Amino acid sequence: MTRWLPSPLNLLLLLALALLFVASLGIGAVPLSAVEVGHALLAPSQAGGDLADLLVQQQIIVNEIRLPRVLLAILVGLSLGAAGAALQGLLRNPLAEPGLLGVSSSASLGAVLCLYYGYAGLSHWLLPASAMGCAAAATLLLYLIARRRASNLTLLLAGIALSSLAAALTSLAINLAPNPTDMQDIVLWLMGSLSDRSFADVQLCLPFILAGLALLFACGPQLDALTLGEDEASSLGVSLPRLRLQIILGTALCVGASVAVTGAIGFVGLVVPHLLRRWVGYHPARLLLSSALGGAVLLLAADILLRLVSGEQELMLGVVTALLGAPFFLALVLRQRTVSA
């Protein structure tokens, strides 16, 4: 139970998240101060008068346009951060991450196929279900490879192959798109973005993300035991098949639901656990919650950054996270190569 106590690191991350939350609600074509954001969120609207009309306009901007975007950034960041920490703990591989191992691209393929064949119009639940199904299949394949005591290089190559296959099939769907408009919509969606999102998107992904996070957070003690080795963990009462299935389902729910509403956003699950691991004493259980909060902070900060630097054409969030994460990944690979040498 000590892993749930508010550690200084988690309190600091929560404070940063709160500050970014207010800042993000105030940034846009109509800049708002922290006081105006607070009034828009909390004050009841009043009829009549110029001040009342101004308050109503600010409430529409904050509550209907910016708030869904901020909430989605937090939810997706929580999901990707926790999924990355859980996969690294399960596979005992510092390079494990939904994007690098092909889980995100597989979820994107499932969502693209659902959009391509028009199934998303039949029910709004089919899109996340298709994304989560493909994400689960990819995670299961990685688990089957990892259980054979594959090396880090083998897992990384398997992830690259899986990601390439999913990307090729996605490109095939784009190539066979019936008209240029559909092709452009799919391409832009694949880049990952939080713009033009509504509370309908929040409601769509919220139950799946909460269920996935609950499964991942419950794995903390077992992941701590797994650091001693599979045999030692089994002797301590850890059911390895159940643990693997739980993390596979949790990752599929989190990543699939996130991809279904925002598109593919990579590197969050890789960068955040590595930045925070030393601050939690290298305990996988404590890292889960800290990585989830750190993922929310990183994604919300990236979304604020892209809105500040974007001109008339807003940058895509997936592009920004890739620009931030790719140099970090390269530095990580070079450092591991130096250590192994």
Protein backbone atom coordinates (compact mmCIF):
# COMPACT_ATOMS: atom_id res chain seq x y z
CA MET A 1 0.00 0.00 0.00
CA THR A 2 2.95 2.36 0.42
CA ARG A 3 3.18 2.81 -3.34
CA TRP A 4 -0.10 4.75 -3.26
CA LEU A 5 1.09 7.23 -0.62
CA PRO A 6 1.64 10.76 -1.99
CA SER A 7 5.40 10.76 -2.47
CA PRO A 8 7.18 14.10 -3.06
CA LEU A 9 7.67 13.14 -6.70
CA ASN A 10 3.98 12.44 -7.26
CA LEU A 11 3.00 15.65 -5.44
CA LEU A 12 5.39 17.59 -7.66
CA LEU A 13 3.95 15.97 -10.78
CA LEU A 14 0.41 16.74 -9.63
CA LEU A 15 1.37 20.38 -9.04
CA ALA A 16 2.93 20.60 -12.50
CA LEU A 17 -0.16 18.98 -14.01
CA ALA A 18 -2.45 21.49 -12.25
CA LEU A 19 -0.40 24.45 -13.48
CA LEU A 20 -0.33 23.10 -17.03
CA PHE A 21 -4.08 22.43 -16.83
CA VAL A 22 -4.82 26.10 -16.09
CA ALA A 23 -2.24 27.33 -18.60
CA SER A 24 -3.62 25.14 -21.37
CA LEU A 25 -7.15 26.42 -20.81
CA GLY A 26 -5.89 29.98 -21.15
CA ILE A 27 -3.86 29.52 -24.34
CA GLY A 28 -5.50 30.02 -27.71
CA ALA A 29 -6.70 32.58 -30.23
CA VAL A 30 -8.44 34.31 -27.31
CA PRO A 31 -5.91 34.32 -24.44
CA LEU A 32 -7.38 34.14 -20.96
CA SER A 33 -5.80 34.76 -17.58
CA ALA A 34 -5.86 32.25 -14.74
CA VAL A 35 -8.59 34.30 -13.02
CA GLU A 36 -10.73 34.34 -16.15
CA VAL A 37 -10.25 30.59 -16.57
CA GLY A 38 -11.35 30.05 -12.97
CA HIS A 39 -14.45 32.19 -13.44
CA ALA A 40 -15.32 30.38 -16.67
CA LEU A 41 -15.03 26.99 -14.95
CA LEU A 42 -16.75 27.81 -11.68
CA ALA A 43 -18.95 30.89 -12.02
CA PRO A 44 -22.60 30.42 -13.05
CA SER A 45 -23.62 32.32 -16.16
CA GLN A 46 -25.80 35.36 -15.65
CA ALA A 47 -28.25 36.85 -18.10
CA GLY A 48 -27.93 40.46 -19.26
CA GLY A 49 -25.13 42.97 -19.30
CA ASP A 50 -21.87 43.18 -21.18
CA LEU A 51 -19.93 41.47 -18.40
CA ALA A 52 -22.39 38.59 -18.35
CA ASP A 53 -22.14 38.19 -22.13
CA LEU A 54 -18.35 38.22 -21.90
CA LEU A 55 -18.48 35.55 -19.20
CA VAL A 56 -20.76 33.39 -21.37
CA GLN A 57 -18.31 33.69 -24.28
CA GLN A 58 -15.40 32.73 -22.02
CA GLN A 59 -17.36 29.77 -20.65
CA ILE A 60 -18.04 28.51 -24.18
CA ILE A 61 -14.36 28.84 -25.11
CA VAL A 62 -13.12 27.12 -21.96
CA ASN A 63 -15.75 24.49 -21.30
CA GLU A 64 -16.73 23.45 -24.82
CA ILE A 65 -13.57 23.98 -26.88
CA ARG A 66 -10.49 23.79 -24.66
CA LEU A 67 -11.55 21.60 -21.73
CA PRO A 68 -12.20 18.42 -23.79
CA ARG A 69 -8.78 18.83 -25.41
CA VAL A 70 -7.05 19.19 -22.03
CA LEU A 71 -8.89 16.23 -20.52
CA LEU A 72 -7.98 14.03 -23.48
CA ALA A 73 -4.32 15.05 -23.18
CA ILE A 74 -4.37 14.02 -19.52
CA LEU A 75 -6.17 10.72 -20.16
CA VAL A 76 -3.95 9.72 -23.08
CA GLY A 77 -0.81 10.76 -21.20
CA LEU A 78 -1.85 8.68 -18.19
CA SER A 79 -2.48 5.71 -20.47
CA LEU A 80 0.76 5.85 -22.44
CA GLY A 81 2.92 6.50 -19.39
CA ALA A 82 1.45 3.64 -17.38
CA ALA A 83 1.48 1.24 -20.37
CA GLY A 84 5.14 1.97 -21.07
CA ALA A 85 6.15 1.39 -17.43
CA ALA A 86 4.12 -1.83 -17.24
CA LEU A 87 5.57 -3.24 -20.47
CA GLN A 88 9.12 -2.44 -19.37
CA GLY A 89 8.46 -4.16 -16.05
CA LEU A 90 6.88 -7.23 -17.62
CA LEU A 91 9.44 -7.71 -20.38
CA ARG A 92 12.30 -6.44 -18.19
CA ASN A 93 13.39 -4.49 -21.23
CA PRO A 94 14.15 -0.75 -21.03
CA LEU A 95 13.29 -0.35 -24.72
CA ALA A 96 9.75 -1.69 -24.34
CA GLU A 97 7.16 0.91 -25.28
CA PRO A 98 3.82 0.69 -27.13
CA GLY A 99 5.08 2.77 -30.06
CA LEU A 100 8.47 1.15 -30.53
CA LEU A 101 7.13 -2.38 -30.19
CA GLY A 102 4.37 -1.97 -32.75
CA VAL A 103 1.42 -1.87 -30.32
CA SER A 104 0.43 1.69 -31.24
CA SER A 105 0.81 1.10 -34.98
CA SER A 106 -1.28 -2.07 -34.70
CA ALA A 107 -3.97 -0.16 -32.85
CA SER A 108 -3.83 2.48 -35.59
CA LEU A 109 -4.26 -0.24 -38.21
CA GLY A 110 -7.37 -1.53 -36.45
CA ALA A 111 -8.85 1.96 -36.28
CA VAL A 112 -7.97 2.72 -39.92
CA LEU A 113 -9.60 -0.49 -41.12
CA CYS A 114 -12.71 0.37 -39.14
CA LEU A 115 -12.79 3.82 -40.73
CA TYR A 116 -11.94 2.51 -44.20
CA TYR A 117 -14.77 -0.01 -44.32
CA GLY A 118 -17.28 2.36 -42.73
CA TYR A 119 -17.87 0.28 -39.61
CA ALA A 120 -17.35 3.32 -37.39
CA GLY A 121 -20.65 4.70 -38.67
CA LEU A 122 -22.56 1.65 -37.49
CA SER A 123 -21.65 2.12 -33.83
CA HIS A 124 -19.28 4.50 -32.07
CA TRP A 125 -18.02 1.55 -30.00
CA LEU A 126 -16.63 -0.31 -33.02
CA LEU A 127 -13.73 2.09 -33.53
CA PRO A 128 -12.16 1.65 -30.07
CA ALA A 129 -13.00 -2.06 -30.11
CA SER A 130 -11.16 -2.53 -33.40
CA ALA A 131 -8.15 -0.52 -32.17
CA MET A 132 -8.00 -2.41 -28.86
CA GLY A 133 -8.33 -5.77 -30.58
CA CYS A 134 -5.34 -5.15 -32.84
CA ALA A 135 -3.35 -3.71 -29.92
CA ALA A 136 -4.09 -6.83 -27.88
CA ALA A 137 -2.99 -9.08 -30.73
CA ALA A 138 0.31 -7.21 -31.07
CA THR A 139 0.96 -7.29 -27.31
CA LEU A 140 0.18 -11.01 -27.20
CA LEU A 141 2.66 -11.69 -29.99
CA LEU A 142 5.35 -9.75 -28.11
CA TYR A 143 4.58 -11.73 -24.98
CA LEU A 144 4.97 -15.03 -26.85
CA ILE A 145 8.38 -13.85 -28.05
CA ALA A 146 9.44 -12.59 -24.62
CA ARG A 147 8.49 -15.78 -22.80
CA ARG A 148 11.16 -17.61 -24.79
CA ARG A 149 13.76 -15.45 -23.03
CA ALA A 150 14.47 -13.43 -26.14
CA SER A 151 17.18 -10.79 -25.99
CA ASN A 152 16.50 -7.05 -26.07
CA LEU A 153 17.66 -6.95 -29.67
CA THR A 154 15.26 -9.74 -30.65
CA LEU A 155 12.31 -7.97 -29.05
CA LEU A 156 13.24 -4.68 -30.64
CA LEU A 157 13.58 -6.27 -34.08
CA ALA A 158 10.26 -8.07 -33.60
CA GLY A 159 8.65 -4.77 -32.68
CA ILE A 160 10.12 -3.07 -35.74
CA ALA A 161 8.86 -5.88 -37.96
CA LEU A 162 5.40 -5.72 -36.40
CA SER A 163 5.31 -1.94 -36.71
CA SER A 164 6.46 -2.14 -40.36
CA LEU A 165 3.77 -4.70 -41.18
CA ALA A 166 1.06 -2.58 -39.57
CA ALA A 167 2.38 0.52 -41.36
CA ALA A 168 2.41 -1.32 -44.70
CA LEU A 169 -1.17 -2.49 -44.27
CA THR A 170 -2.20 1.01 -43.21
CA SER A 171 -0.49 2.46 -46.29
CA LEU A 172 -2.34 -0.09 -48.42
CA ALA A 173 -5.63 1.10 -46.99
CA ILE A 174 -4.64 4.70 -47.74
CA ASN A 175 -3.57 3.73 -51.28
CA LEU A 176 -6.93 2.07 -51.90
CA ALA A 177 -8.96 4.91 -50.37
CA PRO A 178 -11.98 5.63 -52.59
CA ASN A 179 -11.29 9.38 -52.84
CA PRO A 180 -8.56 11.91 -51.93
CA THR A 181 -10.62 13.36 -49.08
CA ASP A 182 -10.80 10.03 -47.27
CA MET A 183 -7.08 9.52 -47.84
CA GLN A 184 -6.25 12.93 -46.38
CA ASP A 185 -8.50 12.34 -43.38
CA ILE A 186 -6.77 9.04 -42.60
CA VAL A 187 -3.28 10.52 -42.99
CA LEU A 188 -4.03 13.48 -40.73
CA TRP A 189 -5.65 11.23 -38.16
CA LEU A 190 -2.61 8.95 -38.11
CA MET A 191 -0.34 11.88 -37.20
CA GLY A 192 -2.07 12.20 -33.86
CA SER A 193 -3.88 15.31 -32.69
CA LEU A 194 -6.06 16.70 -29.93
CA SER A 195 -7.60 19.51 -31.94
CA ASP A 196 -11.33 19.65 -32.65
CA ARG A 197 -12.12 17.06 -29.98
CA SER A 198 -15.31 17.15 -27.92
CA PHE A 199 -16.71 15.60 -24.77
CA ALA A 200 -18.07 12.80 -26.96
CA ASP A 201 -14.47 11.69 -27.53
CA VAL A 202 -13.79 11.90 -23.80
CA GLN A 203 -16.83 9.77 -23.03
CA LEU A 204 -15.81 7.28 -25.72
CA CYS A 205 -12.34 6.55 -24.36
CA LEU A 206 -12.86 7.20 -20.63
CA PRO A 207 -14.32 3.81 -19.56
CA PHE A 208 -11.71 1.82 -21.48
CA ILE A 209 -8.80 3.91 -20.20
CA LEU A 210 -10.01 3.70 -16.59
CA ALA A 211 -10.39 -0.06 -16.88
CA GLY A 212 -6.93 -0.39 -18.44
CA LEU A 213 -5.30 1.78 -15.79
CA ALA A 214 -6.97 -0.23 -13.03
CA LEU A 215 -5.55 -3.46 -14.49
CA LEU A 216 -2.05 -1.99 -14.84
CA PHE A 217 -1.93 -0.37 -11.40
CA ALA A 218 -3.02 -3.64 -9.78
CA CYS A 219 0.10 -5.32 -11.21
CA GLY A 220 2.53 -3.28 -9.11
CA PRO A 221 3.44 -5.81 -6.38
CA GLN A 222 3.79 -8.62 -8.92
CA LEU A 223 6.13 -6.50 -11.07
CA ASP A 224 8.26 -5.81 -8.01
CA ALA A 225 8.50 -9.53 -7.37
CA LEU A 226 9.32 -10.18 -11.04
CA THR A 227 12.52 -8.15 -10.73
CA LEU A 228 13.92 -11.09 -8.71
CA GLY A 229 13.33 -13.45 -11.65
CA GLU A 230 10.43 -15.58 -12.83
CA ASP A 231 11.24 -18.55 -10.58
CA GLU A 232 11.57 -16.38 -7.49
CA ALA A 233 8.38 -14.51 -8.34
CA SER A 234 6.49 -17.80 -8.72
CA SER A 235 7.81 -18.97 -5.35
CA LEU A 236 6.40 -15.77 -3.82
CA GLY A 237 2.93 -16.63 -5.10
CA VAL A 238 2.90 -14.59 -8.31
CA SER A 239 0.87 -16.19 -11.11
CA LEU A 240 2.94 -15.33 -14.17
CA PRO A 241 0.29 -16.26 -16.77
CA ARG A 242 -2.27 -14.12 -14.95
CA LEU A 243 0.17 -11.22 -14.64
CA ARG A 244 1.01 -11.32 -18.35
CA LEU A 245 -2.62 -11.54 -19.37
CA GLN A 246 -3.49 -8.64 -17.06
CA ILE A 247 -0.80 -6.40 -18.51
CA ILE A 248 -1.70 -7.40 -22.07
CA LEU A 249 -5.35 -6.50 -21.50
CA GLY A 250 -4.50 -3.30 -19.65
CA THR A 251 -2.10 -2.17 -22.37
CA ALA A 252 -4.56 -3.02 -25.12
CA LEU A 253 -7.37 -1.08 -23.40
CA CYS A 254 -5.20 1.98 -22.71
CA VAL A 255 -3.39 2.15 -26.05
CA GLY A 256 -6.37 1.10 -28.16
CA ALA A 257 -8.72 3.64 -26.59
CA SER A 258 -6.11 6.39 -26.83
CA VAL A 259 -5.36 5.71 -30.49
CA ALA A 260 -9.07 5.56 -31.28
CA VAL A 261 -9.60 9.19 -30.27
CA THR A 262 -6.25 10.90 -30.90
CA GLY A 263 -4.40 8.80 -33.47
CA ALA A 264 -0.87 7.48 -32.99
CA ILE A 265 1.25 9.33 -30.39
CA GLY A 266 4.61 7.75 -29.72
CA PHE A 267 7.61 7.89 -27.38
CA VAL A 268 5.66 8.99 -24.27
CA GLY A 269 5.77 5.50 -22.78
CA LEU A 270 9.52 5.29 -23.44
CA VAL A 271 10.71 8.71 -22.28
CA VAL A 272 8.72 9.12 -19.07
CA PRO A 273 9.65 5.86 -17.25
CA HIS A 274 13.34 6.44 -18.01
CA LEU A 275 13.22 9.97 -16.65
CA LEU A 276 11.47 8.94 -13.44
CA ARG A 277 12.88 5.47 -12.70
CA ARG A 278 15.78 6.65 -10.56
CA TRP A 279 13.48 8.91 -8.52
CA VAL A 280 11.33 5.97 -7.40
CA GLY A 281 14.26 3.80 -6.39
CA TYR A 282 13.87 1.56 -9.48
CA HIS A 283 10.68 0.01 -8.03
CA PRO A 284 8.27 -0.95 -10.87
CA ALA A 285 5.24 -0.64 -8.59
CA ARG A 286 6.02 2.94 -7.63
CA LEU A 287 6.99 3.75 -11.20
CA LEU A 288 3.52 2.92 -12.54
CA LEU A 289 1.72 5.83 -10.91
CA SER A 290 4.62 8.25 -11.36
CA SER A 291 4.92 7.36 -15.06
CA ALA A 292 1.19 7.84 -15.55
CA LEU A 293 1.34 11.33 -14.01
CA GLY A 294 4.56 12.10 -15.89
CA GLY A 295 2.96 11.02 -19.16
CA ALA A 296 0.05 13.38 -18.57
CA VAL A 297 2.46 16.24 -17.76
CA LEU A 298 4.59 15.55 -20.85
CA LEU A 299 1.68 15.27 -23.27
CA LEU A 300 -0.06 18.36 -21.94
CA ALA A 301 3.20 20.32 -22.10
CA ALA A 302 3.79 19.14 -25.68
CA ASP A 303 0.27 20.20 -26.65
CA ILE A 304 0.86 23.65 -25.14
CA LEU A 305 4.19 23.92 -26.97
CA LEU A 306 2.75 23.09 -30.37
CA ARG A 307 -0.03 25.65 -29.93
CA LEU A 308 2.51 28.32 -29.02
CA VAL A 309 4.79 27.66 -32.00
CA SER A 310 2.11 26.84 -34.60
CA GLY A 311 1.10 29.42 -37.15
CA GLU A 312 -2.01 29.27 -39.28
CA GLN A 313 -1.51 25.51 -39.74
CA GLU A 314 -1.37 23.79 -36.36
CA LEU A 315 1.31 21.15 -35.87
CA MET A 316 0.21 17.60 -35.17
CA LEU A 317 0.81 16.30 -31.64
CA GLY A 318 2.25 12.98 -32.83
CA VAL A 319 4.86 14.88 -34.84
CA VAL A 320 5.88 16.95 -31.81
CA THR A 321 6.23 13.94 -29.49
CA ALA A 322 8.29 12.15 -32.14
CA LEU A 323 10.60 15.16 -32.49
CA LEU A 324 11.05 15.20 -28.72
CA GLY A 325 11.30 11.43 -28.23
CA ALA A 326 13.50 10.34 -31.14
CA PRO A 327 16.68 12.11 -29.90
CA PHE A 328 16.06 10.69 -26.43
CA PHE A 329 15.72 7.18 -27.84
CA LEU A 330 18.94 7.59 -29.84
CA ALA A 331 20.80 8.78 -26.74
CA LEU A 332 19.41 5.80 -24.79
CA VAL A 333 20.59 3.31 -27.42
CA LEU A 334 24.06 4.89 -27.53
CA ARG A 335 24.32 4.83 -23.73
CA GLN A 336 23.31 1.17 -23.56
CA ARG A 337 25.86 0.37 -26.25
CA THR A 338 28.57 2.10 -24.21
CA VAL A 339 27.57 0.23 -21.06
CA SER A 340 27.53 -3.15 -22.82
CA ALA A 341 30.92 -2.43 -24.36
